[in-house]
C-alpha atoms as a PDB file:
ATOM      1  CA  UNK A   1       0.000   0.000   0.000  1.00  0.00           C
ATOM      2  CA  UNK A   2       1.368   3.401  -0.945  1.00  0.00           C
ATOM      3  CA  UNK A   3       2.341   5.625   1.974  1.00  0.00           C
ATOM      4  CA  UNK A   4       1.849   9.370   1.596  1.00  0.00           C
ATOM      5  CA  UNK A   5       2.754  12.324   3.786  1.00  0.00           C
ATOM      6  CA  UNK A   6      -0.134  14.447   4.984  1.00  0.00           C
ATOM      7  CA  UNK A   7      -1.136  16.635   7.882  1.00  0.00           C
ATOM      8  CA  UNK A   8      -0.202  14.732  11.002  1.00  0.00           C
ATOM      9  CA  UNK A   9       2.439  12.537   9.373  1.00  0.00           C
ATOM     10  CA  UNK A  10       2.656   9.427   7.234  1.00  0.00           C
ATOM     11  CA  UNK A  11      -0.507   7.482   6.390  1.00  0.00           C
ATOM     12  CA  UNK A  12      -1.783   4.815   3.995  1.00  0.00           C
ATOM     13  CA  UNK A  13      -4.126   5.785   1.221  1.00  0.00           C
ATOM     14  CA  UNK A  14      -7.424   3.947   1.496  1.00  0.00           C
ATOM     15  CA  UNK A  15      -8.558   1.681  -1.311  1.00  0.00           C
ATOM     16  CA  UNK A  16     -12.072   2.771  -2.266  1.00  0.00           C
ATOM     17  CA  UNK A  17     -14.894   0.560  -3.526  1.00  0.00           C
ATOM     18  CA  UNK A  18     -18.271   1.715  -4.819  1.00  0.00           C
ATOM     19  CA  UNK A  19     -21.147  -0.526  -3.747  1.00  0.00           C
ATOM     20  CA  UNK A  20     -24.804  -0.660  -4.738  1.00  0.00           C
ATOM     21  CA  UNK A  21     -26.109  -1.762  -1.299  1.00  0.00           C
ATOM     22  CA  UNK A  22     -23.888  -0.694   1.610  1.00  0.00           C
ATOM     23  CA  UNK A  23     -26.107  -2.266   4.266  1.00  0.00           C
ATOM     24  CA  UNK A  24     -26.136  -5.664   2.536  1.00  0.00           C
ATOM     25  CA  UNK A  25     -22.382  -5.817   2.038  1.00  0.00           C
ATOM     26  CA  UNK A  26     -21.737  -4.553   5.598  1.00  0.00           C
ATOM     27  CA  UNK A  27     -23.987  -7.306   6.984  1.00  0.00           C
ATOM     28  CA  UNK A  28     -22.193  -9.892   4.863  1.00  0.00           C
ATOM     29  CA  UNK A  29     -18.770  -8.721   6.109  1.00  0.00           C
ATOM     30  CA  UNK A  30     -19.941  -8.661   9.750  1.00  0.00           C
ATOM     31  CA  UNK A  31     -21.360 -12.188   9.380  1.00  0.00           C
ATOM     32  CA  UNK A  32     -17.898 -13.280   8.220  1.00  0.00           C
ATOM     33  CA  UNK A  33     -16.369 -11.773  11.379  1.00  0.00           C
ATOM     34  CA  UNK A  34     -14.903  -8.686   9.716  1.00  0.00           C
ATOM     35  CA  UNK A  35     -15.074  -5.448  11.709  1.00  0.00           C
ATOM     36  CA  UNK A  36     -16.652  -2.634   9.692  1.00  0.00           C
ATOM     37  CA  UNK A  37     -17.677   0.867  10.747  1.00  0.00           C
ATOM     38  CA  UNK A  38     -20.675   2.223   8.828  1.00  0.00           C
ATOM     39  CA  UNK A  39     -20.941   6.009   8.986  1.00  0.00           C
ATOM     40  CA  UNK A  40     -24.442   6.820  10.246  1.00  0.00           C
ATOM     41  CA  UNK A  41     -24.512  10.134   8.374  1.00  0.00           C
ATOM     42  CA  UNK A  42     -26.049  10.409   4.908  1.00  0.00           C
ATOM     43  CA  UNK A  43     -23.975  12.822   2.787  1.00  0.00           C
ATOM     44  CA  UNK A  44     -25.139  14.539  -0.419  1.00  0.00           C
ATOM     45  CA  UNK A  45     -22.887  12.233  -2.452  1.00  0.00           C
ATOM     46  CA  UNK A  46     -23.828   9.031  -0.574  1.00  0.00           C
ATOM     47  CA  UNK A  47     -22.985   6.801   2.397  1.00  0.00           C
ATOM     48  CA  UNK A  48     -19.640   5.429   3.575  1.00  0.00           C
ATOM     49  CA  UNK A  49     -18.160   2.584   5.615  1.00  0.00           C
ATOM     50  CA  UNK A  50     -14.599   1.831   6.663  1.00  0.00           C
ATOM     51  CA  UNK A  51     -12.707  -1.355   7.385  1.00  0.00           C
ATOM     52  CA  UNK A  52      -9.154  -2.702   7.171  1.00  0.00           C
ATOM     53  CA  UNK A  53      -7.625  -5.553   5.208  1.00  0.00           C
ATOM     54  CA  UNK A  54      -5.717  -8.312   7.081  1.00  0.00           C
ATOM     55  CA  UNK A  55      -2.507  -6.251   6.851  1.00  0.00           C
ATOM     56  CA  UNK A  56      -4.171  -3.206   8.426  1.00  0.00           C
ATOM     57  CA  UNK A  57      -4.522  -1.154   5.247  1.00  0.00           C
ATOM     58  CA  UNK A  58      -7.640   1.055   5.178  1.00  0.00           C
ATOM     59  CA  UNK A  59     -10.548   0.269   2.861  1.00  0.00           C
ATOM     60  CA  UNK A  60     -13.509   2.558   2.258  1.00  0.00           C
ATOM     61  CA  UNK A  61     -16.877   1.458   0.859  1.00  0.00           C
ATOM     62  CA  UNK A  62     -19.037   4.085  -0.829  1.00  0.00           C
ATOM     63  CA  UNK A  63     -22.699   3.830  -1.831  1.00  0.00           C
ATOM     64  CA  UNK A  64     -23.101   6.802  -4.198  1.00  0.00           C
ATOM     65  CA  UNK A  65     -26.193   8.989  -4.187  1.00  0.00           C
ATOM     66  CA  UNK A  66     -27.501  11.815  -6.328  1.00  0.00           C
ATOM     67  CA  UNK A  67     -25.598  12.581  -9.498  1.00  0.00           C
ATOM     68  CA  UNK A  68     -22.748  10.297  -8.367  1.00  0.00           C
ATOM     69  CA  UNK A  69     -25.030   7.239  -8.298  1.00  0.00           C
ATOM     70  CA  UNK A  70     -24.282   5.020 -11.296  1.00  0.00           C
ATOM     71  CA  UNK A  71     -27.138   3.802 -13.439  1.00  0.00           C
ATOM     72  CA  UNK A  72     -25.752   0.274 -13.495  1.00  0.00           C
ATOM     73  CA  UNK A  73     -22.769  -1.257 -11.705  1.00  0.00           C
ATOM     74  CA  UNK A  74     -22.968  -4.424 -13.758  1.00  0.00           C
ATOM     75  CA  UNK A  75     -23.519  -7.954 -12.577  1.00  0.00           C
ATOM     76  CA  UNK A  76     -21.028  -7.904  -9.713  1.00  0.00           C
ATOM     77  CA  UNK A  77     -22.336  -8.887  -6.248  1.00  0.00           C
ATOM     78  CA  UNK A  78     -23.724  -5.779  -4.561  1.00  0.00           C
ATOM     79  CA  UNK A  79     -22.319  -3.779  -7.482  1.00  0.00           C
ATOM     80  CA  UNK A  80     -18.792  -3.807  -6.026  1.00  0.00           C
ATOM     81  CA  UNK A  81     -16.491  -1.645  -8.124  1.00  0.00           C
ATOM     82  CA  UNK A  82     -12.934  -0.640  -7.204  1.00  0.00           C
ATOM     83  CA  UNK A  83     -11.919   2.967  -7.681  1.00  0.00           C
ATOM     84  CA  UNK A  84      -8.754   4.871  -7.027  1.00  0.00           C
ATOM     85  CA  UNK A  85      -8.621   8.626  -6.734  1.00  0.00           C
ATOM     86  CA  UNK A  86      -5.529  10.435  -7.954  1.00  0.00           C
ATOM     87  CA  UNK A  87      -5.245  14.190  -8.498  1.00  0.00           C
ATOM     88  CA  UNK A  88      -9.010  14.571  -8.163  1.00  0.00           C
ATOM     89  CA  UNK A  89      -9.737  12.127 -11.013  1.00  0.00           C
ATOM     90  CA  UNK A  90     -11.780   9.002 -10.378  1.00  0.00           C
ATOM     91  CA  UNK A  91     -10.144   5.951 -11.942  1.00  0.00           C
ATOM     92  CA  UNK A  92     -12.032   2.670 -12.157  1.00  0.00           C
ATOM     93  CA  UNK A  93      -9.912  -0.426 -11.513  1.00  0.00           C
END
């Protein structure tokens, strides 16, 4: 995982995944024994949850809303789609 310097020191950049149904995927992860923190706040661009991979790297799940909500995330379970943000540009992986 790439380390970057920011306010407060060195940190790992989170890997971001767009999901169609945040509650469903959070329940599935919790049932598998994976700790996940779902943000209770609804933001104009959607909802978020955070967890860590087995090596401690941060992962963020995002259920888009409004104009950010995709029309179709394909046939993937819960619409899981990896994204990486670099220089303000959204790159699908």
